[in-house]
Amino acid sequence: MKLDIYKIDGKKSSKKAELSDAIFAIEPNETVLYEDVRRHMANKRQGTAKTKERSEVTGSTKKMYRQKGTGNARRGDIKSPLLRKGGTVFGPKPRDYSFKMNKKTRQLARKSALSLKAANEGIIVVQDFSFDEPKTSQIADMLAAFEAAGKKALILTSETDMIVYKSARNIPGVLVLEGYKPNTYQIMNADVIVIQESAVAKLENSIEGKTEEAAA
């Protein structure tokens, strides 16, 4: 598929970008998309939630009163879960929520995400740009030119560019990454993806290259 290449001021250039149909024009696999996003979110969880059980709360272990003859329900010590300040029944314990997916499945999820964005006109290819110094207004003006101001934007550069990164880091919802880095969650989370012209090849190679290696 072909997309127009824009200038940083939002105007179309005379060139077009050739995007791989095997990455940007496949039938999205929604199940794999869901699982990869769920994996990303699960792997970020700390899993440190913990409540105290009956044996862990402070209190006497003495039986409160005799078993029968008082007219009350039978009861053991004061740490019973039925009492105020007693232990918690079946509360959360520290655990690892992370899980793995095989490489081909993760690559399919990234392809599906990019294909969805391309189908919804959420991908903009822009001519390579660089700034002399970090300045937030330069990124803000570029996004405004693409009618993306106030939206969540993912900017992909061909290589590490700290000036572009610093220019964008104070804008809420804007993320700058190298072209080979975005995962499925970051792609799906963005309303618009702005890709530098030379970063297109980096993005495609990060998917197709790894897939070919796995097949070999």
N, C-alpha and C. Protein backbone atom coordinates (compact mmCIF):
# COMPACT_ATOMS: atom_id res chain seq x y z
N MET A 1 0.84 -1.19 0.00
CA MET A 1 0.00 0.00 0.00
C MET A 1 0.88 1.25 0.00
N LYS A 2 0.32 2.32 -0.52
CA LYS A 2 1.06 3.58 -0.61
C LYS A 2 0.37 4.66 0.21
N LEU A 3 1.19 5.46 0.89
CA LEU A 3 0.67 6.60 1.65
C LEU A 3 1.43 7.85 1.26
N ASP A 4 0.73 8.97 1.28
CA ASP A 4 1.39 10.24 1.00
C ASP A 4 2.40 10.56 2.09
N ILE A 5 3.50 11.16 1.68
CA ILE A 5 4.50 11.62 2.64
C ILE A 5 4.29 13.12 2.85
N TYR A 6 4.13 13.50 4.10
CA TYR A 6 3.85 14.89 4.43
C TYR A 6 5.11 15.62 4.88
N LYS A 7 5.07 16.92 4.73
CA LYS A 7 6.11 17.77 5.32
C LYS A 7 5.73 18.06 6.75
N ILE A 8 6.68 18.57 7.52
CA ILE A 8 6.44 18.80 8.93
C ILE A 8 5.37 19.86 9.17
N ASP A 9 5.12 20.70 8.15
CA ASP A 9 4.10 21.74 8.30
C ASP A 9 2.71 21.25 7.91
N GLY A 10 2.59 19.94 7.61
CA GLY A 10 1.28 19.37 7.31
C GLY A 10 0.93 19.33 5.84
N LYS A 11 1.79 19.86 4.98
CA LYS A 11 1.50 19.86 3.55
C LYS A 11 2.04 18.58 2.91
N LYS A 12 1.36 18.11 1.86
CA LYS A 12 1.80 16.92 1.16
C LYS A 12 3.04 17.20 0.34
N SER A 13 3.95 16.23 0.31
CA SER A 13 5.10 16.34 -0.57
C SER A 13 4.75 15.62 -1.88
N SER A 14 5.67 15.60 -2.79
CA SER A 14 5.43 14.95 -4.08
C SER A 14 5.68 13.45 -4.03
N LYS A 15 6.20 12.95 -2.93
CA LYS A 15 6.57 11.54 -2.82
C LYS A 15 5.51 10.74 -2.06
N LYS A 16 5.56 9.43 -2.27
CA LYS A 16 4.69 8.51 -1.55
C LYS A 16 5.53 7.42 -0.89
N ALA A 17 5.06 6.94 0.23
CA ALA A 17 5.77 5.86 0.94
C ALA A 17 5.14 4.53 0.58
N GLU A 18 5.98 3.55 0.28
CA GLU A 18 5.53 2.20 -0.05
C GLU A 18 5.57 1.36 1.22
N LEU A 19 4.39 1.00 1.73
CA LEU A 19 4.29 0.21 2.94
C LEU A 19 3.99 -1.24 2.59
N SER A 20 4.57 -2.15 3.34
CA SER A 20 4.39 -3.58 3.09
C SER A 20 2.96 -4.02 3.38
N ASP A 21 2.32 -4.64 2.39
CA ASP A 21 0.97 -5.15 2.60
C ASP A 21 0.95 -6.28 3.62
N ALA A 22 2.07 -6.97 3.76
CA ALA A 22 2.15 -8.08 4.72
C ALA A 22 2.14 -7.59 6.16
N ILE A 23 2.32 -6.28 6.35
CA ILE A 23 2.34 -5.72 7.69
C ILE A 23 1.18 -4.74 7.91
N PHE A 24 0.91 -3.92 6.91
CA PHE A 24 -0.07 -2.84 7.07
C PHE A 24 -1.41 -3.12 6.42
N ALA A 25 -1.57 -4.28 5.80
CA ALA A 25 -2.84 -4.54 5.10
C ALA A 25 -3.32 -5.97 5.28
N ILE A 26 -3.05 -6.56 6.44
CA ILE A 26 -3.54 -7.93 6.68
C ILE A 26 -4.90 -7.86 7.37
N GLU A 27 -5.57 -9.01 7.43
CA GLU A 27 -6.82 -9.11 8.18
C GLU A 27 -6.46 -9.20 9.67
N PRO A 28 -6.81 -8.19 10.48
CA PRO A 28 -6.40 -8.19 11.89
C PRO A 28 -6.94 -9.40 12.65
N ASN A 29 -6.10 -9.99 13.45
CA ASN A 29 -6.49 -11.09 14.31
C ASN A 29 -6.82 -10.51 15.69
N GLU A 30 -8.10 -10.32 15.97
CA GLU A 30 -8.51 -9.64 17.20
C GLU A 30 -8.17 -10.45 18.45
N THR A 31 -8.22 -11.76 18.36
CA THR A 31 -7.89 -12.59 19.51
C THR A 31 -6.43 -12.42 19.92
N VAL A 32 -5.54 -12.45 18.94
CA VAL A 32 -4.11 -12.29 19.22
C VAL A 32 -3.84 -10.87 19.72
N LEU A 33 -4.53 -9.89 19.14
CA LEU A 33 -4.39 -8.51 19.60
C LEU A 33 -4.73 -8.39 21.08
N TYR A 34 -5.88 -8.95 21.44
CA TYR A 34 -6.33 -8.90 22.83
C TYR A 34 -5.33 -9.57 23.77
N GLU A 35 -4.86 -10.75 23.38
CA GLU A 35 -3.96 -11.50 24.24
C GLU A 35 -2.62 -10.77 24.43
N ASP A 36 -2.12 -10.13 23.36
CA ASP A 36 -0.83 -9.45 23.48
C ASP A 36 -0.95 -8.19 24.35
N VAL A 37 -2.06 -7.46 24.21
CA VAL A 37 -2.28 -6.30 25.07
C VAL A 37 -2.46 -6.74 26.52
N ARG A 38 -3.18 -7.84 26.72
CA ARG A 38 -3.38 -8.37 28.07
C ARG A 38 -2.04 -8.81 28.67
N ARG A 39 -1.19 -9.42 27.83
CA ARG A 39 0.15 -9.82 28.30
C ARG A 39 0.95 -8.61 28.74
N HIS A 40 0.92 -7.54 27.94
CA HIS A 40 1.66 -6.33 28.28
C HIS A 40 1.19 -5.75 29.60
N MET A 41 -0.11 -5.66 29.79
CA MET A 41 -0.66 -5.09 31.02
C MET A 41 -0.36 -5.99 32.22
N ALA A 42 -0.47 -7.31 32.02
CA ALA A 42 -0.21 -8.24 33.11
C ALA A 42 1.25 -8.20 33.53
N ASN A 43 2.16 -8.07 32.56
CA ASN A 43 3.59 -8.06 32.88
C ASN A 43 4.00 -6.80 33.64
N LYS A 44 3.17 -5.75 33.57
CA LYS A 44 3.47 -4.51 34.29
C LYS A 44 2.98 -4.56 35.74
N ARG A 45 2.14 -5.52 36.07
CA ARG A 45 1.59 -5.59 37.43
C ARG A 45 2.66 -6.01 38.43
N GLN A 46 2.67 -5.35 39.58
CA GLN A 46 3.66 -5.68 40.60
C GLN A 46 3.30 -6.98 41.31
N GLY A 47 2.03 -7.23 41.50
CA GLY A 47 1.61 -8.44 42.18
C GLY A 47 2.00 -8.46 43.64
N THR A 48 2.02 -7.29 44.30
CA THR A 48 2.44 -7.22 45.70
C THR A 48 1.27 -7.07 46.67
N ALA A 49 0.02 -7.13 46.19
CA ALA A 49 -1.14 -6.99 47.07
C ALA A 49 -1.16 -8.13 48.09
N LYS A 50 -1.40 -7.78 49.34
CA LYS A 50 -1.36 -8.78 50.41
C LYS A 50 -2.27 -8.35 51.55
N THR A 51 -3.06 -9.28 52.06
CA THR A 51 -3.85 -9.03 53.27
C THR A 51 -3.45 -10.06 54.32
N LYS A 52 -3.67 -9.72 55.58
CA LYS A 52 -3.30 -10.62 56.66
C LYS A 52 -4.40 -11.64 56.92
N GLU A 53 -3.98 -12.88 57.04
CA GLU A 53 -4.92 -13.94 57.35
C GLU A 53 -5.05 -14.09 58.86
N ARG A 54 -5.86 -15.05 59.25
CA ARG A 54 -6.17 -15.24 60.66
C ARG A 54 -4.92 -15.45 61.52
N SER A 55 -3.95 -16.16 60.98
CA SER A 55 -2.74 -16.46 61.74
C SER A 55 -1.76 -15.30 61.79
N GLU A 56 -2.02 -14.23 61.02
CA GLU A 56 -1.06 -13.13 60.91
C GLU A 56 -1.48 -11.87 61.64
N VAL A 57 -2.78 -11.72 61.97
CA VAL A 57 -3.21 -10.50 62.66
C VAL A 57 -2.85 -10.58 64.13
N THR A 58 -2.75 -9.41 64.77
CA THR A 58 -2.41 -9.35 66.19
C THR A 58 -3.64 -9.66 67.04
N GLY A 59 -3.49 -10.47 68.04
CA GLY A 59 -4.61 -10.78 68.93
C GLY A 59 -4.36 -12.07 69.69
N SER A 60 -5.13 -12.27 70.75
CA SER A 60 -4.98 -13.45 71.57
C SER A 60 -5.50 -14.68 70.85
N THR A 61 -4.88 -15.80 71.14
CA THR A 61 -5.35 -17.07 70.58
C THR A 61 -6.26 -17.82 71.56
N LYS A 62 -6.57 -17.18 72.67
CA LYS A 62 -7.42 -17.81 73.67
C LYS A 62 -8.87 -17.88 73.19
N LYS A 63 -9.53 -18.98 73.46
CA LYS A 63 -10.95 -19.11 73.12
C LYS A 63 -11.74 -18.10 73.95
N MET A 64 -12.61 -17.34 73.32
CA MET A 64 -13.25 -16.20 73.96
C MET A 64 -14.20 -16.62 75.10
N TYR A 65 -14.93 -17.70 74.88
CA TYR A 65 -15.82 -18.22 75.92
C TYR A 65 -16.09 -19.68 75.64
N ARG A 66 -16.71 -20.35 76.60
CA ARG A 66 -16.87 -21.79 76.44
C ARG A 66 -17.75 -22.12 75.24
N GLN A 67 -17.61 -23.34 74.78
CA GLN A 67 -18.25 -23.77 73.54
C GLN A 67 -19.78 -23.72 73.64
N LYS A 68 -20.32 -24.16 74.77
CA LYS A 68 -21.78 -24.26 74.89
C LYS A 68 -22.28 -23.59 76.17
N GLY A 69 -23.55 -23.32 76.18
CA GLY A 69 -24.19 -22.84 77.39
C GLY A 69 -24.28 -21.34 77.52
N THR A 70 -23.73 -20.57 76.60
CA THR A 70 -23.77 -19.10 76.72
C THR A 70 -24.90 -18.49 75.89
N GLY A 71 -25.45 -19.26 74.96
CA GLY A 71 -26.47 -18.71 74.06
C GLY A 71 -25.88 -18.02 72.85
N ASN A 72 -24.57 -17.90 72.79
CA ASN A 72 -23.91 -17.27 71.65
C ASN A 72 -23.46 -18.34 70.65
N ALA A 73 -23.13 -17.88 69.46
CA ALA A 73 -22.57 -18.81 68.48
C ALA A 73 -21.21 -19.29 68.98
N ARG A 74 -20.88 -20.53 68.64
CA ARG A 74 -19.57 -21.05 69.03
C ARG A 74 -18.48 -20.22 68.35
N ARG A 75 -17.41 -19.96 69.06
CA ARG A 75 -16.38 -19.08 68.51
C ARG A 75 -15.03 -19.42 69.12
N GLY A 76 -14.00 -19.26 68.35
CA GLY A 76 -12.64 -19.52 68.83
C GLY A 76 -12.01 -18.24 69.35
N ASP A 77 -10.84 -17.87 68.77
CA ASP A 77 -10.14 -16.69 69.28
C ASP A 77 -10.68 -15.40 68.66
N ILE A 78 -10.13 -14.28 69.12
CA ILE A 78 -10.60 -12.96 68.72
C ILE A 78 -10.16 -12.60 67.29
N LYS A 79 -9.30 -13.43 66.70
CA LYS A 79 -8.81 -13.16 65.35
C LYS A 79 -9.71 -13.75 64.26
N SER A 80 -10.90 -14.19 64.67
CA SER A 80 -11.84 -14.76 63.71
C SER A 80 -12.17 -13.77 62.59
N PRO A 81 -12.26 -14.24 61.36
CA PRO A 81 -12.60 -13.35 60.24
C PRO A 81 -13.98 -12.70 60.39
N LEU A 82 -14.82 -13.25 61.26
CA LEU A 82 -16.16 -12.69 61.44
C LEU A 82 -16.15 -11.46 62.33
N LEU A 83 -15.06 -11.22 63.02
CA LEU A 83 -14.98 -10.11 63.96
C LEU A 83 -14.21 -8.94 63.37
N ARG A 84 -14.50 -7.76 63.87
CA ARG A 84 -13.77 -6.55 63.48
C ARG A 84 -12.29 -6.71 63.83
N LYS A 85 -11.43 -6.33 62.92
CA LYS A 85 -9.98 -6.46 63.04
C LYS A 85 -9.51 -7.92 63.01
N GLY A 86 -10.39 -8.81 62.59
CA GLY A 86 -9.98 -10.20 62.43
C GLY A 86 -9.26 -10.42 61.11
N GLY A 87 -8.82 -11.63 60.88
CA GLY A 87 -8.10 -11.94 59.65
C GLY A 87 -9.01 -11.91 58.43
N THR A 88 -8.41 -11.79 57.25
CA THR A 88 -9.14 -11.78 55.99
C THR A 88 -9.19 -13.18 55.41
N VAL A 89 -10.36 -13.55 54.91
CA VAL A 89 -10.52 -14.88 54.32
C VAL A 89 -10.28 -14.79 52.81
N PHE A 90 -9.42 -15.64 52.28
CA PHE A 90 -9.15 -15.72 50.84
C PHE A 90 -8.71 -14.37 50.26
N GLY A 91 -7.92 -13.62 51.01
CA GLY A 91 -7.42 -12.34 50.52
C GLY A 91 -6.31 -12.53 49.50
N PRO A 92 -5.90 -11.45 48.82
CA PRO A 92 -4.83 -11.56 47.82
C PRO A 92 -3.48 -11.87 48.44
N LYS A 93 -2.66 -12.59 47.72
CA LYS A 93 -1.31 -12.91 48.14
C LYS A 93 -0.34 -12.49 47.04
N PRO A 94 0.92 -12.17 47.38
CA PRO A 94 1.89 -11.82 46.34
C PRO A 94 2.00 -12.92 45.28
N ARG A 95 1.93 -12.51 44.02
CA ARG A 95 2.00 -13.49 42.94
C ARG A 95 2.54 -12.81 41.68
N ASP A 96 2.95 -13.61 40.74
CA ASP A 96 3.47 -13.13 39.46
C ASP A 96 2.36 -13.26 38.42
N TYR A 97 1.93 -12.14 37.88
CA TYR A 97 0.83 -12.14 36.90
C TYR A 97 1.33 -12.32 35.46
N SER A 98 2.63 -12.23 35.25
CA SER A 98 3.15 -12.23 33.88
C SER A 98 2.98 -13.59 33.21
N PHE A 99 2.87 -13.53 31.89
CA PHE A 99 2.86 -14.76 31.10
C PHE A 99 3.52 -14.47 29.76
N LYS A 100 3.85 -15.52 29.02
CA LYS A 100 4.60 -15.36 27.78
C LYS A 100 3.76 -15.72 26.57
N MET A 101 4.17 -15.16 25.43
CA MET A 101 3.61 -15.52 24.14
C MET A 101 4.78 -15.81 23.21
N ASN A 102 4.58 -16.72 22.26
CA ASN A 102 5.70 -17.01 21.36
C ASN A 102 5.92 -15.86 20.38
N LYS A 103 7.10 -15.85 19.80
CA LYS A 103 7.54 -14.72 18.98
C LYS A 103 6.63 -14.49 17.77
N LYS A 104 6.24 -15.54 17.08
CA LYS A 104 5.40 -15.38 15.89
C LYS A 104 4.04 -14.79 16.24
N THR A 105 3.51 -15.17 17.39
CA THR A 105 2.22 -14.64 17.82
C THR A 105 2.33 -13.15 18.14
N ARG A 106 3.42 -12.76 18.79
CA ARG A 106 3.62 -11.33 19.09
C ARG A 106 3.77 -10.51 17.82
N GLN A 107 4.48 -11.07 16.84
CA GLN A 107 4.64 -10.36 15.57
C GLN A 107 3.30 -10.22 14.84
N LEU A 108 2.49 -11.27 14.89
CA LEU A 108 1.16 -11.20 14.28
C LEU A 108 0.31 -10.13 14.95
N ALA A 109 0.44 -10.00 16.26
CA ALA A 109 -0.31 -8.98 16.99
C ALA A 109 0.12 -7.58 16.57
N ARG A 110 1.42 -7.37 16.39
CA ARG A 110 1.91 -6.06 15.94
C ARG A 110 1.42 -5.75 14.52
N LYS A 111 1.45 -6.76 13.66
CA LYS A 111 0.94 -6.56 12.29
C LYS A 111 -0.55 -6.21 12.32
N SER A 112 -1.30 -6.91 13.14
CA SER A 112 -2.74 -6.66 13.24
C SER A 112 -3.00 -5.25 13.73
N ALA A 113 -2.22 -4.79 14.71
CA ALA A 113 -2.40 -3.45 15.24
C ALA A 113 -2.08 -2.39 14.19
N LEU A 114 -0.99 -2.58 13.45
CA LEU A 114 -0.61 -1.61 12.42
C LEU A 114 -1.63 -1.61 11.28
N SER A 115 -2.16 -2.79 10.94
CA SER A 115 -3.15 -2.87 9.87
C SER A 115 -4.44 -2.16 10.27
N LEU A 116 -4.82 -2.28 11.54
CA LEU A 116 -6.01 -1.58 12.03
C LEU A 116 -5.82 -0.07 11.95
N LYS A 117 -4.65 0.39 12.35
CA LYS A 117 -4.38 1.83 12.31
C LYS A 117 -4.37 2.35 10.86
N ALA A 118 -3.76 1.55 9.98
CA ALA A 118 -3.71 1.97 8.57
C ALA A 118 -5.11 2.01 7.96
N ALA A 119 -5.94 1.02 8.30
CA ALA A 119 -7.31 0.98 7.77
C ALA A 119 -8.14 2.14 8.28
N ASN A 120 -7.85 2.62 9.47
CA ASN A 120 -8.59 3.73 10.07
C ASN A 120 -7.92 5.08 9.84
N GLU A 121 -6.96 5.11 8.91
CA GLU A 121 -6.24 6.34 8.56
C GLU A 121 -5.57 6.96 9.79
N GLY A 122 -5.00 6.09 10.62
CA GLY A 122 -4.33 6.56 11.82
C GLY A 122 -2.82 6.60 11.70
N ILE A 123 -2.30 6.44 10.47
CA ILE A 123 -0.85 6.47 10.26
C ILE A 123 -0.49 7.63 9.33
N ILE A 124 0.47 8.42 9.76
CA ILE A 124 0.95 9.56 8.96
C ILE A 124 2.45 9.39 8.76
N VAL A 125 2.88 9.40 7.51
CA VAL A 125 4.31 9.33 7.19
C VAL A 125 4.79 10.75 6.91
N VAL A 126 5.83 11.15 7.63
CA VAL A 126 6.33 12.52 7.49
C VAL A 126 7.80 12.48 7.09
N GLN A 127 8.23 13.49 6.35
CA GLN A 127 9.63 13.58 5.96
C GLN A 127 10.51 13.63 7.21
N ASP A 128 11.72 13.07 7.09
CA ASP A 128 12.64 13.10 8.22
C ASP A 128 12.84 14.54 8.69
N PHE A 129 12.83 14.72 10.00
CA PHE A 129 13.00 16.06 10.54
C PHE A 129 13.91 16.00 11.76
N SER A 130 14.53 17.10 12.07
CA SER A 130 15.35 17.23 13.27
C SER A 130 15.32 18.69 13.70
N PHE A 131 15.61 18.93 14.97
CA PHE A 131 15.58 20.28 15.51
C PHE A 131 16.96 20.64 16.04
N ASP A 132 17.23 21.94 16.08
CA ASP A 132 18.52 22.40 16.59
C ASP A 132 18.59 22.34 18.10
N GLU A 133 17.43 22.48 18.75
CA GLU A 133 17.38 22.47 20.21
C GLU A 133 16.00 21.96 20.65
N PRO A 134 15.91 21.39 21.84
CA PRO A 134 14.60 20.92 22.32
C PRO A 134 13.63 22.09 22.49
N LYS A 135 12.47 21.95 21.91
CA LYS A 135 11.46 23.00 22.04
C LYS A 135 10.09 22.36 21.87
N THR A 136 9.30 22.39 22.91
CA THR A 136 8.00 21.72 22.90
C THR A 136 7.09 22.24 21.80
N SER A 137 7.17 23.55 21.53
CA SER A 137 6.27 24.15 20.54
C SER A 137 6.47 23.57 19.14
N GLN A 138 7.68 23.06 18.85
CA GLN A 138 7.94 22.52 17.52
C GLN A 138 7.13 21.24 17.29
N ILE A 139 7.08 20.35 18.30
CA ILE A 139 6.27 19.14 18.19
C ILE A 139 4.79 19.50 18.24
N ALA A 140 4.43 20.45 19.09
CA ALA A 140 3.03 20.86 19.20
C ALA A 140 2.52 21.42 17.88
N ASP A 141 3.35 22.21 17.20
CA ASP A 141 2.95 22.79 15.91
C ASP A 141 2.80 21.69 14.86
N MET A 142 3.69 20.72 14.88
CA MET A 142 3.61 19.62 13.91
C MET A 142 2.32 18.82 14.11
N LEU A 143 2.00 18.49 15.36
CA LEU A 143 0.77 17.73 15.62
C LEU A 143 -0.46 18.55 15.26
N ALA A 144 -0.41 19.83 15.51
CA ALA A 144 -1.55 20.69 15.14
C ALA A 144 -1.73 20.73 13.64
N ALA A 145 -0.62 20.70 12.90
CA ALA A 145 -0.70 20.71 11.43
C ALA A 145 -1.35 19.43 10.91
N PHE A 146 -1.21 18.34 11.66
CA PHE A 146 -1.83 17.06 11.27
C PHE A 146 -3.18 16.84 11.97
N GLU A 147 -3.70 17.89 12.60
CA GLU A 147 -4.97 17.84 13.33
C GLU A 147 -4.94 16.75 14.41
N ALA A 148 -3.78 16.62 15.05
CA ALA A 148 -3.60 15.62 16.09
C ALA A 148 -3.36 16.25 17.45
N ALA A 149 -3.55 17.56 17.55
CA ALA A 149 -3.36 18.23 18.84
C ALA A 149 -4.38 17.71 19.85
N GLY A 150 -3.91 17.40 21.04
CA GLY A 150 -4.80 16.90 22.08
C GLY A 150 -5.07 15.41 22.00
N LYS A 151 -4.55 14.75 20.97
CA LYS A 151 -4.73 13.31 20.82
C LYS A 151 -3.49 12.57 21.32
N LYS A 152 -3.67 11.29 21.59
CA LYS A 152 -2.52 10.47 21.95
C LYS A 152 -1.76 10.13 20.68
N ALA A 153 -0.50 10.51 20.65
CA ALA A 153 0.31 10.35 19.43
C ALA A 153 1.56 9.53 19.72
N LEU A 154 1.89 8.66 18.79
CA LEU A 154 3.12 7.88 18.84
C LEU A 154 4.00 8.34 17.69
N ILE A 155 5.16 8.91 18.01
CA ILE A 155 6.09 9.41 17.00
C ILE A 155 7.25 8.43 16.89
N LEU A 156 7.46 7.89 15.69
CA LEU A 156 8.53 6.92 15.46
C LEU A 156 9.65 7.57 14.67
N THR A 157 10.85 7.55 15.23
CA THR A 157 12.02 8.12 14.57
C THR A 157 12.91 7.01 14.03
N SER A 158 13.75 7.36 13.08
CA SER A 158 14.61 6.34 12.47
C SER A 158 15.72 5.90 13.42
N GLU A 159 16.14 6.78 14.30
CA GLU A 159 17.17 6.46 15.28
C GLU A 159 16.93 7.28 16.54
N THR A 160 17.73 7.01 17.56
CA THR A 160 17.55 7.75 18.82
C THR A 160 17.81 9.23 18.60
N ASP A 161 16.82 10.05 18.89
CA ASP A 161 16.93 11.50 18.73
C ASP A 161 16.48 12.15 20.03
N MET A 162 17.42 12.48 20.88
CA MET A 162 17.10 13.03 22.19
C MET A 162 16.47 14.42 22.09
N ILE A 163 16.77 15.15 21.03
CA ILE A 163 16.17 16.49 20.90
C ILE A 163 14.68 16.37 20.62
N VAL A 164 14.31 15.45 19.73
CA VAL A 164 12.88 15.22 19.46
C VAL A 164 12.20 14.67 20.70
N TYR A 165 12.88 13.75 21.40
CA TYR A 165 12.31 13.16 22.62
C TYR A 165 12.05 14.24 23.67
N LYS A 166 13.03 15.11 23.90
CA LYS A 166 12.88 16.16 24.91
C LYS A 166 11.83 17.19 24.49
N SER A 167 11.69 17.38 23.18
CA SER A 167 10.70 18.34 22.70
C SER A 167 9.28 17.84 22.93
N ALA A 168 9.12 16.52 22.99
CA ALA A 168 7.77 15.96 23.09
C ALA A 168 7.39 15.49 24.48
N ARG A 169 8.37 15.35 25.39
CA ARG A 169 8.09 14.68 26.66
C ARG A 169 7.15 15.45 27.58
N ASN A 170 6.98 16.76 27.36
CA ASN A 170 6.09 17.55 28.21
C ASN A 170 4.68 17.65 27.65
N ILE A 171 4.44 17.00 26.52
CA ILE A 171 3.10 17.03 25.93
C ILE A 171 2.36 15.78 26.36
N PRO A 172 1.26 15.92 27.09
CA PRO A 172 0.52 14.73 27.57
C PRO A 172 0.07 13.85 26.42
N GLY A 173 0.29 12.55 26.56
CA GLY A 173 -0.20 11.60 25.57
C GLY A 173 0.69 11.41 24.37
N VAL A 174 1.84 12.08 24.32
CA VAL A 174 2.76 11.95 23.18
C VAL A 174 3.96 11.10 23.59
N LEU A 175 4.25 10.09 22.78
CA LEU A 175 5.37 9.17 23.07
C LEU A 175 6.28 9.12 21.85
N VAL A 176 7.59 9.24 22.08
CA VAL A 176 8.58 9.17 21.01
C VAL A 176 9.41 7.90 21.19
N LEU A 177 9.47 7.09 20.13
CA LEU A 177 10.24 5.85 20.17
C LEU A 177 11.00 5.68 18.86
N GLU A 178 12.06 4.84 18.92
CA GLU A 178 12.73 4.46 17.68
C GLU A 178 11.79 3.55 16.89
N GLY A 179 11.98 3.53 15.57
CA GLY A 179 11.05 2.83 14.70
C GLY A 179 10.89 1.34 14.96
N TYR A 180 11.91 0.71 15.53
CA TYR A 180 11.84 -0.74 15.74
C TYR A 180 11.26 -1.12 17.09
N LYS A 181 10.92 -0.14 17.93
CA LYS A 181 10.58 -0.43 19.32
C LYS A 181 9.10 -0.63 19.66
N PRO A 182 8.15 0.00 18.99
CA PRO A 182 6.77 -0.01 19.52
C PRO A 182 6.18 -1.42 19.62
N ASN A 183 5.50 -1.67 20.73
CA ASN A 183 4.83 -2.95 20.90
C ASN A 183 3.34 -2.79 20.58
N THR A 184 2.60 -3.86 20.67
CA THR A 184 1.19 -3.85 20.31
C THR A 184 0.39 -2.86 21.15
N TYR A 185 0.66 -2.83 22.45
CA TYR A 185 -0.08 -1.93 23.33
C TYR A 185 0.15 -0.47 22.94
N GLN A 186 1.41 -0.10 22.70
CA GLN A 186 1.73 1.28 22.36
C GLN A 186 1.11 1.69 21.03
N ILE A 187 1.05 0.76 20.09
CA ILE A 187 0.42 1.05 18.80
C ILE A 187 -1.08 1.24 18.97
N MET A 188 -1.72 0.34 19.69
CA MET A 188 -3.16 0.42 19.87
C MET A 188 -3.57 1.59 20.76
N ASN A 189 -2.71 1.98 21.68
CA ASN A 189 -3.04 3.05 22.61
C ASN A 189 -3.00 4.43 21.95
N ALA A 190 -2.30 4.54 20.83
CA ALA A 190 -2.16 5.83 20.15
C ALA A 190 -3.36 6.10 19.24
N ASP A 191 -3.80 7.35 19.22
CA ASP A 191 -4.85 7.76 18.29
C ASP A 191 -4.27 7.96 16.88
N VAL A 192 -3.04 8.42 16.84
CA VAL A 192 -2.38 8.65 15.55
C VAL A 192 -0.91 8.26 15.69
N ILE A 193 -0.36 7.66 14.62
CA ILE A 193 1.05 7.27 14.60
C ILE A 193 1.76 8.09 13.53
N VAL A 194 2.75 8.87 13.95
CA VAL A 194 3.53 9.69 13.02
C VAL A 194 4.87 9.01 12.82
N ILE A 195 5.14 8.57 11.60
CA ILE A 195 6.36 7.82 11.30
C ILE A 195 7.26 8.63 10.38
N GLN A 196 8.50 8.80 10.79
CA GLN A 196 9.46 9.44 9.89
C GLN A 196 9.69 8.54 8.68
N GLU A 197 9.94 9.14 7.55
CA GLU A 197 10.08 8.40 6.29
C GLU A 197 11.11 7.28 6.40
N SER A 198 12.26 7.58 6.98
CA SER A 198 13.30 6.56 7.08
C SER A 198 13.03 5.55 8.19
N ALA A 199 12.05 5.82 9.04
CA ALA A 199 11.72 4.89 10.13
C ALA A 199 10.79 3.78 9.67
N VAL A 200 10.18 3.95 8.49
CA VAL A 200 9.27 2.93 7.98
C VAL A 200 10.01 1.61 7.78
N ALA A 201 11.19 1.69 7.17
CA ALA A 201 11.99 0.48 6.94
C ALA A 201 12.41 -0.16 8.26
N LYS A 202 12.76 0.67 9.25
CA LYS A 202 13.15 0.13 10.56
C LYS A 202 11.99 -0.62 11.20
N LEU A 203 10.80 -0.07 11.09
CA LEU A 203 9.62 -0.72 11.66
C LEU A 203 9.32 -2.04 10.95
N GLU A 204 9.38 -2.02 9.63
CA GLU A 204 9.09 -3.24 8.87
C GLU A 204 10.14 -4.32 9.13
N ASN A 205 11.41 -3.92 9.19
CA ASN A 205 12.47 -4.90 9.44
C ASN A 205 12.37 -5.51 10.83
N SER A 206 11.88 -4.74 11.79
CA SER A 206 11.76 -5.26 13.16
C SER A 206 10.71 -6.34 13.24
N ILE A 207 9.79 -6.35 12.28
CA ILE A 207 8.74 -7.38 12.26
C ILE A 207 9.08 -8.48 11.28
N GLU A 208 9.31 -8.13 10.04
CA GLU A 208 9.60 -9.13 9.02
C GLU A 208 10.92 -9.84 9.26
N GLY A 209 11.93 -9.08 9.70
CA GLY A 209 13.24 -9.67 9.95
C GLY A 209 13.18 -10.74 11.02
N LYS A 210 12.49 -10.43 12.13
CA LYS A 210 12.40 -11.42 13.22
C LYS A 210 11.58 -12.62 12.81
N THR A 211 10.54 -12.38 12.00
CA THR A 211 9.70 -13.49 11.55
C THR A 211 10.49 -14.44 10.67
N GLU A 212 11.32 -13.88 9.77
CA GLU A 212 12.13 -14.70 8.87
C GLU A 212 13.16 -15.50 9.68
N GLU A 213 13.74 -14.87 10.73
CA GLU A 213 14.71 -15.59 11.54
C GLU A 213 14.07 -16.77 12.26
N ALA A 214 12.82 -16.52 12.74
CA ALA A 214 12.12 -17.59 13.44
C ALA A 214 11.79 -18.75 12.50
N ALA A 215 11.43 -18.41 11.26
CA ALA A 215 11.10 -19.44 10.28
C ALA A 215 12.32 -20.25 9.89
N ALA A 216 13.48 -19.58 9.83
CA ALA A 216 14.72 -20.28 9.48
C ALA A 216 15.14 -21.23 10.60
